[in-house]
């Protein structure tokens, strides 16, 4: 785990506090210590699948010209949703490192399903390694800043 990669995800997510292209979520995808993609949630641009993790996977796959992202690590400010976890699994990313859990965003009225990454891993027998609570305080600060914007109805 490397703090600088999560800080990149946090910084990218913070852009949505001003630009409002999506929720306060960011992701950084890394392979062999090299950043392949730093993306944020852009669902308010008209595509509900444009979560930060999906955007990062798409960018990295384009750069590497392959769907197979074996050996990669994804840093996410919040626990990936089931769609994102599935995409991480299918693209063979080896590890997920995230800050806040799904419950932190669900209680803020985001449209989350109540199934954790650990549950999905177990049910699906996924090999993805999961590390939770990494730089949790800084990731939670993103959500708290979002709360102050009072924009839940747009999301």
C-alpha atoms as a PDB file:
ATOM      1  CA  UNK A   1       0.000   0.000   0.000  1.00  0.00           C
ATOM      2  CA  UNK A   2       1.228   3.411  -0.897  1.00  0.00           C
ATOM      3  CA  UNK A   3      -0.314   6.561   0.533  1.00  0.00           C
ATOM      4  CA  UNK A   4       0.526   8.638  -2.552  1.00  0.00           C
ATOM      5  CA  UNK A   5      -1.828   6.586  -4.740  1.00  0.00           C
ATOM      6  CA  UNK A   6      -4.795   7.015  -2.408  1.00  0.00           C
ATOM      7  CA  UNK A   7      -4.025  10.714  -2.133  1.00  0.00           C
ATOM      8  CA  UNK A   8      -4.255  10.937  -5.934  1.00  0.00           C
ATOM      9  CA  UNK A   9      -7.689   9.299  -5.797  1.00  0.00           C
ATOM     10  CA  UNK A  10      -8.792  11.661  -3.032  1.00  0.00           C
ATOM     11  CA  UNK A  11      -7.600  14.711  -4.957  1.00  0.00           C
ATOM     12  CA  UNK A  12      -9.419  13.562  -8.102  1.00  0.00           C
ATOM     13  CA  UNK A  13     -12.633  12.882  -6.159  1.00  0.00           C
ATOM     14  CA  UNK A  14     -12.420  16.352  -4.644  1.00  0.00           C
ATOM     15  CA  UNK A  15     -12.836  17.902  -8.091  1.00  0.00           C
ATOM     16  CA  UNK A  16     -16.486  16.832  -8.023  1.00  0.00           C
ATOM     17  CA  UNK A  17     -17.065  19.055  -5.008  1.00  0.00           C
ATOM     18  CA  UNK A  18     -16.687  21.975  -7.441  1.00  0.00           C
ATOM     19  CA  UNK A  19     -17.567  20.583 -10.877  1.00  0.00           C
ATOM     20  CA  UNK A  20     -20.455  18.285  -9.850  1.00  0.00           C
ATOM     21  CA  UNK A  21     -19.892  15.659 -12.557  1.00  0.00           C
ATOM     22  CA  UNK A  22     -20.691  12.935 -10.029  1.00  0.00           C
ATOM     23  CA  UNK A  23     -20.355  11.963  -6.409  1.00  0.00           C
ATOM     24  CA  UNK A  24     -17.244  12.449  -4.258  1.00  0.00           C
ATOM     25  CA  UNK A  25     -15.533   9.251  -5.358  1.00  0.00           C
ATOM     26  CA  UNK A  26     -12.107   8.709  -6.871  1.00  0.00           C
ATOM     27  CA  UNK A  27      -9.906   5.805  -7.947  1.00  0.00           C
ATOM     28  CA  UNK A  28      -6.257   5.324  -8.832  1.00  0.00           C
ATOM     29  CA  UNK A  29      -5.161   2.218 -10.730  1.00  0.00           C
ATOM     30  CA  UNK A  30      -1.521   1.204 -10.385  1.00  0.00           C
ATOM     31  CA  UNK A  31       0.733  -1.498 -11.850  1.00  0.00           C
ATOM     32  CA  UNK A  32       4.273  -2.114 -10.637  1.00  0.00           C
ATOM     33  CA  UNK A  33       4.298   1.229  -8.840  1.00  0.00           C
ATOM     34  CA  UNK A  34       3.263   3.127 -11.991  1.00  0.00           C
ATOM     35  CA  UNK A  35      -0.013   5.031 -12.177  1.00  0.00           C
ATOM     36  CA  UNK A  36      -2.116   3.883 -15.131  1.00  0.00           C
ATOM     37  CA  UNK A  37      -5.243   5.920 -14.384  1.00  0.00           C
ATOM     38  CA  UNK A  38      -6.639   8.410 -11.889  1.00  0.00           C
ATOM     39  CA  UNK A  39     -10.359   8.912 -12.382  1.00  0.00           C
ATOM     40  CA  UNK A  40     -13.469  10.125 -10.600  1.00  0.00           C
ATOM     41  CA  UNK A  41     -17.160   9.430 -10.666  1.00  0.00           C
ATOM     42  CA  UNK A  42     -18.808  11.078 -13.696  1.00  0.00           C
ATOM     43  CA  UNK A  43     -22.332   9.620 -13.599  1.00  0.00           C
ATOM     44  CA  UNK A  44     -23.954  13.060 -13.812  1.00  0.00           C
ATOM     45  CA  UNK A  45     -22.535  13.344 -17.319  1.00  0.00           C
ATOM     46  CA  UNK A  46     -25.250  10.924 -18.434  1.00  0.00           C
ATOM     47  CA  UNK A  47     -23.933   7.394 -17.842  1.00  0.00           C
ATOM     48  CA  UNK A  48     -24.825   5.580 -14.621  1.00  0.00           C
ATOM     49  CA  UNK A  49     -21.906   3.159 -15.101  1.00  0.00           C
ATOM     50  CA  UNK A  50     -19.263   5.893 -14.939  1.00  0.00           C
ATOM     51  CA  UNK A  51     -18.130   5.197 -11.400  1.00  0.00           C
ATOM     52  CA  UNK A  52     -14.535   6.139 -10.588  1.00  0.00           C
ATOM     53  CA  UNK A  53     -13.378   2.507 -10.604  1.00  0.00           C
ATOM     54  CA  UNK A  54     -15.023   1.765 -13.968  1.00  0.00           C
ATOM     55  CA  UNK A  55     -13.541   4.919 -15.483  1.00  0.00           C
ATOM     56  CA  UNK A  56     -10.085   3.927 -14.166  1.00  0.00           C
ATOM     57  CA  UNK A  57     -10.411   0.382 -15.514  1.00  0.00           C
ATOM     58  CA  UNK A  58     -11.442   1.694 -18.936  1.00  0.00           C
ATOM     59  CA  UNK A  59      -8.511   4.127 -19.040  1.00  0.00           C
ATOM     60  CA  UNK A  60      -5.961   1.521 -17.926  1.00  0.00           C
ATOM     61  CA  UNK A  61      -7.284  -1.077 -20.377  1.00  0.00           C
ATOM     62  CA  UNK A  62      -6.960   1.432 -23.224  1.00  0.00           C
ATOM     63  CA  UNK A  63      -3.399   2.291 -22.186  1.00  0.00           C
ATOM     64  CA  UNK A  64      -2.356  -1.339 -21.887  1.00  0.00           C
ATOM     65  CA  UNK A  65      -4.501  -2.435 -24.854  1.00  0.00           C
ATOM     66  CA  UNK A  66      -5.907  -5.363 -22.910  1.00  0.00           C
ATOM     67  CA  UNK A  67      -8.803  -6.254 -20.664  1.00  0.00           C
ATOM     68  CA  UNK A  68      -6.445  -8.263 -18.438  1.00  0.00           C
ATOM     69  CA  UNK A  69      -5.218  -5.999 -15.647  1.00  0.00           C
ATOM     70  CA  UNK A  70      -3.460  -8.749 -13.699  1.00  0.00           C
ATOM     71  CA  UNK A  71      -0.887  -7.400 -11.287  1.00  0.00           C
ATOM     72  CA  UNK A  72      -2.737  -4.122 -10.825  1.00  0.00           C
ATOM     73  CA  UNK A  73      -3.946  -2.540  -7.606  1.00  0.00           C
ATOM     74  CA  UNK A  74      -6.901  -0.183  -7.434  1.00  0.00           C
ATOM     75  CA  UNK A  75      -7.141   2.478  -4.733  1.00  0.00           C
ATOM     76  CA  UNK A  76     -10.693   3.697  -4.193  1.00  0.00           C
ATOM     77  CA  UNK A  77     -11.883   6.397  -1.821  1.00  0.00           C
ATOM     78  CA  UNK A  78     -14.958   4.294  -0.985  1.00  0.00           C
ATOM     79  CA  UNK A  79     -15.633   0.564  -1.066  1.00  0.00           C
ATOM     80  CA  UNK A  80     -16.485  -0.358  -4.653  1.00  0.00           C
ATOM     81  CA  UNK A  81     -20.134  -1.079  -5.373  1.00  0.00           C
ATOM     82  CA  UNK A  82     -21.127  -4.549  -6.665  1.00  0.00           C
ATOM     83  CA  UNK A  83     -20.825  -3.384 -10.295  1.00  0.00           C
ATOM     84  CA  UNK A  84     -17.321  -2.056  -9.702  1.00  0.00           C
ATOM     85  CA  UNK A  85     -16.252  -5.086  -7.659  1.00  0.00           C
ATOM     86  CA  UNK A  86     -17.401  -7.311 -10.513  1.00  0.00           C
ATOM     87  CA  UNK A  87     -15.461  -5.257 -13.058  1.00  0.00           C
ATOM     88  CA  UNK A  88     -12.381  -5.413 -10.818  1.00  0.00           C
ATOM     89  CA  UNK A  89     -12.764  -9.191 -10.568  1.00  0.00           C
ATOM     90  CA  UNK A  90     -13.389  -9.655 -14.316  1.00  0.00           C
ATOM     91  CA  UNK A  91     -10.406  -7.513 -15.259  1.00  0.00           C
ATOM     92  CA  UNK A  92      -8.241  -9.603 -12.902  1.00  0.00           C
ATOM     93  CA  UNK A  93      -7.061  -6.702 -10.757  1.00  0.00           C
ATOM     94  CA  UNK A  94      -5.220  -8.287  -7.839  1.00  0.00           C
ATOM     95  CA  UNK A  95      -6.076  -5.924  -4.979  1.00  0.00           C
ATOM     96  CA  UNK A  96      -8.614  -3.349  -3.862  1.00  0.00           C
ATOM     97  CA  UNK A  97      -7.546  -0.801  -1.281  1.00  0.00           C
ATOM     98  CA  UNK A  98     -10.309   1.518  -0.123  1.00  0.00           C
ATOM     99  CA  UNK A  99     -11.033   4.171   2.491  1.00  0.00           C
ATOM    100  CA  UNK A 100     -14.670   4.399   3.612  1.00  0.00           C
ATOM    101  CA  UNK A 101     -17.136   1.515   3.525  1.00  0.00           C
ATOM    102  CA  UNK A 102     -20.382   1.190   1.609  1.00  0.00           C
ATOM    103  CA  UNK A 103     -22.353   1.980   4.783  1.00  0.00           C
ATOM    104  CA  UNK A 104     -20.806   5.469   4.897  1.00  0.00           C
ATOM    105  CA  UNK A 105     -22.287   6.349   1.497  1.00  0.00           C
ATOM    106  CA  UNK A 106     -25.536   4.440   1.914  1.00  0.00           C
ATOM    107  CA  UNK A 107     -26.448   6.520   4.966  1.00  0.00           C
ATOM    108  CA  UNK A 108     -25.974   9.609   2.787  1.00  0.00           C
ATOM    109  CA  UNK A 109     -28.754   8.420   0.482  1.00  0.00           C
ATOM    110  CA  UNK A 110     -26.558   7.257  -2.377  1.00  0.00           C
ATOM    111  CA  UNK A 111     -28.251   4.433  -4.275  1.00  0.00           C
ATOM    112  CA  UNK A 112     -26.049   1.657  -2.863  1.00  0.00           C
ATOM    113  CA  UNK A 113     -26.738  -2.034  -2.580  1.00  0.00           C
ATOM    114  CA  UNK A 114     -25.985  -3.427   0.863  1.00  0.00           C
ATOM    115  CA  UNK A 115     -23.506  -6.088  -0.162  1.00  0.00           C
ATOM    116  CA  UNK A 116     -19.897  -5.684   0.829  1.00  0.00           C
ATOM    117  CA  UNK A 117     -16.822  -6.525  -1.214  1.00  0.00           C
ATOM    118  CA  UNK A 118     -15.969  -9.234   1.288  1.00  0.00           C
ATOM    119  CA  UNK A 119     -19.401 -10.832   0.804  1.00  0.00           C
ATOM    120  CA  UNK A 120     -19.037 -10.677  -2.975  1.00  0.00           C
ATOM    121  CA  UNK A 121     -15.554 -12.142  -2.772  1.00  0.00           C
ATOM    122  CA  UNK A 122     -16.799 -15.028  -0.656  1.00  0.00           C
ATOM    123  CA  UNK A 123     -19.928 -15.769  -2.685  1.00  0.00           C
ATOM    124  CA  UNK A 124     -18.088 -15.489  -6.012  1.00  0.00           C
ATOM    125  CA  UNK A 125     -14.881 -17.178  -4.814  1.00  0.00           C
ATOM    126  CA  UNK A 126     -12.892 -14.236  -6.119  1.00  0.00           C
ATOM    127  CA  UNK A 127      -9.141 -14.064  -5.608  1.00  0.00           C
ATOM    128  CA  UNK A 128      -9.137 -10.252  -5.257  1.00  0.00           C
ATOM    129  CA  UNK A 129      -7.341  -9.116  -2.104  1.00  0.00           C
ATOM    130  CA  UNK A 130      -9.187  -6.467  -0.088  1.00  0.00           C
ATOM    131  CA  UNK A 131      -7.780  -3.869   2.305  1.00  0.00           C
ATOM    132  CA  UNK A 132     -10.318  -1.559   3.928  1.00  0.00           C
ATOM    133  CA  UNK A 133     -10.004   1.605   5.976  1.00  0.00           C
ATOM    134  CA  UNK A 134      -6.880   2.925   4.245  1.00  0.00           C
ATOM    135  CA  UNK A 135      -6.660   6.702   4.848  1.00  0.00           C
ATOM    136  CA  UNK A 136     -10.247   6.424   6.042  1.00  0.00           C
ATOM    137  CA  UNK A 137     -10.205   9.805   7.790  1.00  0.00           C
ATOM    138  CA  UNK A 138      -9.251  11.675   4.609  1.00  0.00           C
ATOM    139  CA  UNK A 139     -11.789   9.710   2.555  1.00  0.00           C
ATOM    140  CA  UNK A 140     -14.504  10.447   5.094  1.00  0.00           C
ATOM    141  CA  UNK A 141     -13.658  14.149   4.843  1.00  0.00           C
ATOM    142  CA  UNK A 142     -14.699  13.975   1.154  1.00  0.00           C
ATOM    143  CA  UNK A 143     -18.111  12.673   2.170  1.00  0.00           C
ATOM    144  CA  UNK A 144     -18.439  15.316   4.875  1.00  0.00           C
ATOM    145  CA  UNK A 145     -17.606  18.053   2.353  1.00  0.00           C
ATOM    146  CA  UNK A 146     -20.263  16.560   0.049  1.00  0.00           C
ATOM    147  CA  UNK A 147     -22.789  16.697   2.908  1.00  0.00           C
ATOM    148  CA  UNK A 148     -22.233  20.449   3.194  1.00  0.00           C
ATOM    149  CA  UNK A 149     -23.117  20.958  -0.479  1.00  0.00           C
ATOM    150  CA  UNK A 150     -26.688  19.774   0.119  1.00  0.00           C
ATOM    151  CA  UNK A 151     -26.977  18.306  -3.370  1.00  0.00           C
ATOM    152  CA  UNK A 152     -28.394  14.847  -2.632  1.00  0.00           C
ATOM    153  CA  UNK A 153     -31.366  15.381  -4.892  1.00  0.00           C
ATOM    154  CA  UNK A 154     -29.124  15.704  -7.964  1.00  0.00           C
ATOM    155  CA  UNK A 155     -27.364  12.425  -7.382  1.00  0.00           C
END
